Amino acid sequence: MRMVLCLSPQSNFSNSSFSKNLNYLVSSIHCLTSNTYCFYNLSVGTDSDQERVEAIGFCNRVLFRVDCLKCIAQATKNLTTNCIFRYSNKPIFKKPKTFPVLEALNPEQRHRR
């Protein structure tokens, strides 16, 4: 699986360490094992590495753990509504991000409006 970065025309990161680290991280998702909380964090690179990639994946609590892992793997290919996959070239572990906000109603709530 290859991750494509959409950047400005002036940027050429296709051969950068960040791009290589990101591709490695994405390709290693299938190696994750289930955990109790359906929350996963991954990183490639050292703590002092400017090209370090960190990623967070977590799932809707109604999913079984094995389905959560499948969802996170799928999220690297497509956007989904059951899980989130976040990556960055800046530290993201233990740093909550409260914006932008995307709210979605579940199907039962949609019928009430």
N, C-alpha and C. Protein backbone atom coordinates (compact mmCIF):
# COMPACT_ATOMS: atom_id res chain seq x y z
N MET A 1 0.85 -1.16 0.00
CA MET A 1 0.00 0.00 0.00
C MET A 1 0.91 1.23 0.00
N ARG A 2 0.58 2.21 -0.81
CA ARG A 2 1.37 3.44 -0.89
C ARG A 2 0.48 4.61 -0.50
N MET A 3 0.98 5.46 0.38
CA MET A 3 0.25 6.65 0.80
C MET A 3 0.70 7.81 -0.07
N VAL A 4 -0.24 8.55 -0.60
CA VAL A 4 0.07 9.71 -1.44
C VAL A 4 -0.17 10.97 -0.63
N LEU A 5 0.80 11.85 -0.60
CA LEU A 5 0.68 13.12 0.10
C LEU A 5 0.30 14.19 -0.90
N CYS A 6 -0.73 14.96 -0.60
CA CYS A 6 -1.15 16.07 -1.46
C CYS A 6 -0.53 17.35 -0.92
N LEU A 7 0.43 17.86 -1.62
CA LEU A 7 1.17 19.03 -1.16
C LEU A 7 1.20 20.08 -2.26
N SER A 8 1.68 21.25 -1.91
CA SER A 8 1.78 22.33 -2.90
C SER A 8 2.79 21.94 -3.98
N PRO A 9 2.67 22.54 -5.17
CA PRO A 9 3.59 22.19 -6.25
C PRO A 9 5.05 22.45 -5.90
N GLN A 10 5.33 23.39 -5.01
CA GLN A 10 6.71 23.69 -4.64
C GLN A 10 7.31 22.60 -3.75
N SER A 11 6.46 21.79 -3.14
CA SER A 11 6.94 20.77 -2.21
C SER A 11 7.21 19.47 -2.95
N ASN A 12 8.32 18.84 -2.63
CA ASN A 12 8.60 17.53 -3.19
C ASN A 12 9.01 16.62 -2.05
N PHE A 13 8.02 15.98 -1.44
CA PHE A 13 8.28 15.13 -0.29
C PHE A 13 8.22 13.65 -0.65
N SER A 14 8.04 13.33 -1.93
CA SER A 14 7.87 11.92 -2.30
C SER A 14 9.06 11.07 -1.90
N ASN A 15 10.26 11.65 -1.87
CA ASN A 15 11.45 10.90 -1.47
C ASN A 15 11.96 11.32 -0.10
N SER A 16 11.17 12.10 0.63
CA SER A 16 11.61 12.58 1.94
C SER A 16 11.55 11.46 2.97
N SER A 17 12.28 11.66 4.06
CA SER A 17 12.23 10.69 5.16
C SER A 17 10.84 10.62 5.75
N PHE A 18 10.14 11.77 5.83
CA PHE A 18 8.77 11.77 6.36
C PHE A 18 7.88 10.88 5.50
N SER A 19 7.96 11.03 4.19
CA SER A 19 7.14 10.23 3.29
C SER A 19 7.45 8.74 3.44
N LYS A 20 8.73 8.41 3.53
CA LYS A 20 9.12 7.01 3.71
C LYS A 20 8.63 6.48 5.06
N ASN A 21 8.77 7.30 6.11
CA ASN A 21 8.28 6.88 7.43
C ASN A 21 6.77 6.69 7.41
N LEU A 22 6.05 7.59 6.74
CA LEU A 22 4.60 7.48 6.65
C LEU A 22 4.20 6.21 5.91
N ASN A 23 4.84 5.93 4.80
CA ASN A 23 4.53 4.71 4.05
C ASN A 23 4.81 3.47 4.89
N TYR A 24 5.92 3.48 5.64
CA TYR A 24 6.24 2.34 6.50
C TYR A 24 5.18 2.18 7.59
N LEU A 25 4.79 3.29 8.21
CA LEU A 25 3.78 3.24 9.27
C LEU A 25 2.47 2.67 8.74
N VAL A 26 2.02 3.19 7.60
CA VAL A 26 0.76 2.73 7.02
C VAL A 26 0.84 1.26 6.65
N SER A 27 1.97 0.83 6.12
CA SER A 27 2.09 -0.57 5.71
C SER A 27 2.22 -1.52 6.90
N SER A 28 2.52 -1.00 8.09
CA SER A 28 2.66 -1.87 9.26
C SER A 28 1.39 -1.98 10.09
N ILE A 29 0.32 -1.30 9.69
CA ILE A 29 -0.92 -1.32 10.47
C ILE A 29 -1.46 -2.74 10.61
N HIS A 30 -1.30 -3.55 9.59
CA HIS A 30 -1.83 -4.92 9.66
C HIS A 30 -1.15 -5.74 10.76
N CYS A 31 -0.02 -5.29 11.28
CA CYS A 31 0.69 -6.00 12.34
C CYS A 31 0.16 -5.68 13.74
N LEU A 32 -0.73 -4.71 13.86
CA LEU A 32 -1.28 -4.36 15.17
C LEU A 32 -2.06 -5.54 15.75
N THR A 33 -2.06 -5.63 17.06
CA THR A 33 -2.88 -6.64 17.73
C THR A 33 -3.98 -5.93 18.50
N SER A 34 -5.08 -6.62 18.70
CA SER A 34 -6.23 -6.03 19.39
C SER A 34 -5.86 -5.66 20.81
N ASN A 35 -6.44 -4.57 21.29
CA ASN A 35 -6.32 -4.23 22.69
C ASN A 35 -7.71 -3.96 23.25
N THR A 36 -7.81 -3.80 24.53
CA THR A 36 -9.10 -3.69 25.19
C THR A 36 -9.87 -2.44 24.82
N TYR A 37 -9.18 -1.35 24.55
CA TYR A 37 -9.85 -0.07 24.42
C TYR A 37 -10.08 0.39 22.99
N CYS A 38 -9.67 -0.40 22.00
CA CYS A 38 -9.80 -0.01 20.59
C CYS A 38 -9.15 1.35 20.34
N PHE A 39 -8.02 1.59 20.99
CA PHE A 39 -7.24 2.80 20.80
C PHE A 39 -5.81 2.38 20.49
N TYR A 40 -5.25 2.92 19.44
CA TYR A 40 -3.92 2.51 19.01
C TYR A 40 -3.09 3.75 18.70
N ASN A 41 -1.81 3.70 19.04
CA ASN A 41 -0.91 4.74 18.58
C ASN A 41 0.33 4.07 18.01
N LEU A 42 0.83 4.65 16.97
CA LEU A 42 1.98 4.12 16.26
C LEU A 42 2.93 5.27 15.97
N SER A 43 4.20 4.95 15.82
CA SER A 43 5.16 5.98 15.42
C SER A 43 6.30 5.32 14.66
N VAL A 44 6.90 6.09 13.79
CA VAL A 44 8.09 5.68 13.05
C VAL A 44 9.06 6.84 13.12
N GLY A 45 10.28 6.56 13.55
CA GLY A 45 11.30 7.59 13.72
C GLY A 45 11.60 7.77 15.19
N THR A 46 12.69 8.46 15.47
CA THR A 46 13.08 8.68 16.86
C THR A 46 12.41 9.94 17.40
N ASP A 47 12.40 10.07 18.71
CA ASP A 47 11.77 11.23 19.35
C ASP A 47 12.37 12.55 18.86
N SER A 48 13.65 12.58 18.57
CA SER A 48 14.30 13.81 18.14
C SER A 48 14.29 13.99 16.62
N ASP A 49 13.73 13.03 15.92
CA ASP A 49 13.71 13.05 14.45
C ASP A 49 12.67 14.04 13.93
N GLN A 50 13.09 14.99 13.10
CA GLN A 50 12.16 15.96 12.50
C GLN A 50 11.21 15.28 11.53
N GLU A 51 11.58 14.11 11.04
CA GLU A 51 10.77 13.39 10.06
C GLU A 51 9.94 12.28 10.71
N ARG A 52 9.84 12.30 12.03
CA ARG A 52 9.06 11.30 12.77
C ARG A 52 7.59 11.41 12.38
N VAL A 53 6.93 10.27 12.23
CA VAL A 53 5.50 10.23 11.95
C VAL A 53 4.82 9.56 13.13
N GLU A 54 3.78 10.20 13.65
CA GLU A 54 2.97 9.63 14.73
C GLU A 54 1.55 9.50 14.22
N ALA A 55 0.89 8.43 14.62
CA ALA A 55 -0.49 8.20 14.19
C ALA A 55 -1.31 7.69 15.36
N ILE A 56 -2.58 8.05 15.35
CA ILE A 56 -3.54 7.60 16.37
C ILE A 56 -4.73 7.01 15.64
N GLY A 57 -5.19 5.87 16.12
CA GLY A 57 -6.41 5.27 15.59
C GLY A 57 -7.30 4.85 16.74
N PHE A 58 -8.58 5.15 16.64
CA PHE A 58 -9.52 4.66 17.64
C PHE A 58 -10.86 4.45 16.98
N CYS A 59 -11.69 3.65 17.64
CA CYS A 59 -12.94 3.22 17.01
C CYS A 59 -14.15 3.49 17.87
N ASN A 60 -15.27 3.48 17.20
CA ASN A 60 -16.57 3.55 17.86
C ASN A 60 -16.66 2.36 18.82
N ARG A 61 -17.14 2.59 20.01
CA ARG A 61 -17.15 1.53 21.03
C ARG A 61 -18.08 0.37 20.69
N VAL A 62 -18.94 0.52 19.70
CA VAL A 62 -19.83 -0.59 19.34
C VAL A 62 -19.13 -1.63 18.47
N LEU A 63 -17.94 -1.32 17.98
CA LEU A 63 -17.22 -2.28 17.15
C LEU A 63 -16.47 -3.29 18.00
N PHE A 64 -16.42 -4.53 17.52
CA PHE A 64 -15.55 -5.52 18.13
C PHE A 64 -14.11 -5.14 17.83
N ARG A 65 -13.18 -5.59 18.68
CA ARG A 65 -11.78 -5.21 18.52
C ARG A 65 -11.23 -5.60 17.15
N VAL A 66 -11.53 -6.80 16.70
CA VAL A 66 -11.01 -7.24 15.41
C VAL A 66 -11.57 -6.37 14.28
N ASP A 67 -12.82 -5.94 14.41
CA ASP A 67 -13.42 -5.05 13.41
C ASP A 67 -12.80 -3.66 13.48
N CYS A 68 -12.41 -3.25 14.67
CA CYS A 68 -11.73 -1.97 14.83
C CYS A 68 -10.42 -1.96 14.05
N LEU A 69 -9.64 -3.02 14.20
CA LEU A 69 -8.38 -3.10 13.47
C LEU A 69 -8.60 -3.07 11.97
N LYS A 70 -9.61 -3.78 11.51
CA LYS A 70 -9.93 -3.77 10.08
C LYS A 70 -10.32 -2.36 9.65
N CYS A 71 -11.09 -1.68 10.48
CA CYS A 71 -11.53 -0.32 10.17
C CYS A 71 -10.35 0.64 10.08
N ILE A 72 -9.43 0.54 11.02
CA ILE A 72 -8.26 1.42 11.00
C ILE A 72 -7.42 1.16 9.75
N ALA A 73 -7.25 -0.10 9.41
CA ALA A 73 -6.52 -0.42 8.18
C ALA A 73 -7.24 0.16 6.97
N GLN A 74 -8.55 0.04 6.95
CA GLN A 74 -9.34 0.58 5.84
C GLN A 74 -9.30 2.11 5.82
N ALA A 75 -9.20 2.72 6.99
CA ALA A 75 -9.18 4.18 7.06
C ALA A 75 -7.95 4.76 6.37
N THR A 76 -6.90 3.98 6.24
CA THR A 76 -5.73 4.47 5.50
C THR A 76 -6.02 4.52 4.01
N LYS A 77 -7.06 3.84 3.59
CA LYS A 77 -7.44 3.84 2.17
C LYS A 77 -8.61 4.77 1.90
N ASN A 78 -9.56 4.80 2.81
CA ASN A 78 -10.79 5.57 2.62
C ASN A 78 -11.18 6.27 3.92
N LEU A 79 -11.92 7.32 3.79
CA LEU A 79 -12.49 7.94 4.98
C LEU A 79 -13.69 7.10 5.40
N THR A 80 -13.83 6.89 6.71
CA THR A 80 -14.96 6.12 7.21
C THR A 80 -15.62 6.88 8.35
N THR A 81 -16.75 6.38 8.82
CA THR A 81 -17.45 7.03 9.92
C THR A 81 -17.28 6.30 11.24
N ASN A 82 -16.67 5.13 11.24
CA ASN A 82 -16.55 4.35 12.47
C ASN A 82 -15.21 4.51 13.18
N CYS A 83 -14.23 5.07 12.52
CA CYS A 83 -12.93 5.24 13.17
C CYS A 83 -12.19 6.42 12.55
N ILE A 84 -11.14 6.84 13.22
CA ILE A 84 -10.33 7.97 12.79
C ILE A 84 -8.89 7.51 12.73
N PHE A 85 -8.16 7.97 11.75
CA PHE A 85 -6.73 7.72 11.65
C PHE A 85 -6.06 9.07 11.47
N ARG A 86 -5.22 9.43 12.40
CA ARG A 86 -4.57 10.75 12.37
C ARG A 86 -3.07 10.56 12.32
N TYR A 87 -2.41 11.31 11.46
CA TYR A 87 -0.96 11.28 11.44
C TYR A 87 -0.42 12.69 11.31
N SER A 88 0.83 12.86 11.72
CA SER A 88 1.40 14.19 11.72
C SER A 88 2.92 14.11 11.74
N ASN A 89 3.57 15.17 11.28
CA ASN A 89 5.02 15.26 11.43
C ASN A 89 5.38 16.06 12.68
N LYS A 90 4.38 16.38 13.48
CA LYS A 90 4.56 17.04 14.78
C LYS A 90 4.08 16.07 15.86
N PRO A 91 4.60 16.16 17.09
CA PRO A 91 4.13 15.27 18.16
C PRO A 91 2.62 15.39 18.37
N ILE A 92 1.93 14.24 18.44
CA ILE A 92 0.49 14.26 18.67
C ILE A 92 0.07 13.41 19.86
N PHE A 93 0.96 12.56 20.38
CA PHE A 93 0.60 11.74 21.53
C PHE A 93 0.40 12.65 22.74
N LYS A 94 -0.66 12.43 23.48
CA LYS A 94 -1.00 13.20 24.67
C LYS A 94 -1.25 14.68 24.36
N LYS A 95 -1.64 14.98 23.14
CA LYS A 95 -1.95 16.35 22.74
C LYS A 95 -3.33 16.35 22.09
N PRO A 96 -4.37 16.61 22.89
CA PRO A 96 -5.72 16.57 22.31
C PRO A 96 -5.91 17.64 21.25
N LYS A 97 -6.65 17.29 20.24
CA LYS A 97 -6.99 18.23 19.16
C LYS A 97 -8.50 18.37 19.18
N THR A 98 -8.98 19.55 19.49
CA THR A 98 -10.43 19.75 19.66
C THR A 98 -11.07 20.44 18.46
N PHE A 99 -10.32 20.69 17.43
CA PHE A 99 -10.88 21.30 16.23
C PHE A 99 -10.15 20.73 15.02
N PRO A 100 -10.68 20.72 13.85
CA PRO A 100 -12.07 21.09 13.56
C PRO A 100 -13.03 20.06 14.12
N VAL A 101 -14.27 20.45 14.30
CA VAL A 101 -15.29 19.57 14.85
C VAL A 101 -16.18 19.08 13.73
N LEU A 102 -16.42 17.79 13.70
CA LEU A 102 -17.34 17.20 12.74
C LEU A 102 -18.36 16.42 13.54
N GLU A 103 -19.60 16.81 13.44
CA GLU A 103 -20.65 16.12 14.18
C GLU A 103 -21.51 15.35 13.20
N ALA A 104 -21.81 14.12 13.56
CA ALA A 104 -22.69 13.29 12.72
C ALA A 104 -23.75 12.67 13.61
N LEU A 105 -24.95 12.72 13.16
CA LEU A 105 -26.05 12.10 13.90
C LEU A 105 -26.14 10.63 13.54
N ASN A 106 -26.51 9.83 14.52
CA ASN A 106 -26.73 8.43 14.17
C ASN A 106 -28.07 8.33 13.45
N PRO A 107 -28.34 7.23 12.75
CA PRO A 107 -29.57 7.12 11.95
C PRO A 107 -30.85 7.36 12.74
N GLU A 108 -30.91 6.94 13.99
CA GLU A 108 -32.12 7.15 14.80
C GLU A 108 -32.36 8.63 15.04
N GLN A 109 -31.31 9.39 15.27
CA GLN A 109 -31.46 10.82 15.51
C GLN A 109 -31.87 11.57 14.25
N ARG A 110 -31.45 11.11 13.10
CA ARG A 110 -31.80 11.78 11.84
C ARG A 110 -33.31 11.78 11.62
N HIS A 111 -33.97 10.68 11.99
CA HIS A 111 -35.41 10.57 11.76
C HIS A 111 -36.21 11.48 12.68
N ARG A 112 -35.62 11.89 13.78
CA ARG A 112 -36.33 12.74 14.75
C ARG A 112 -36.37 14.19 14.31
N ARG A 113 -35.53 14.60 13.42
CA ARG A 113 -35.46 16.02 13.02
C ARG A 113 -36.47 16.37 12.00
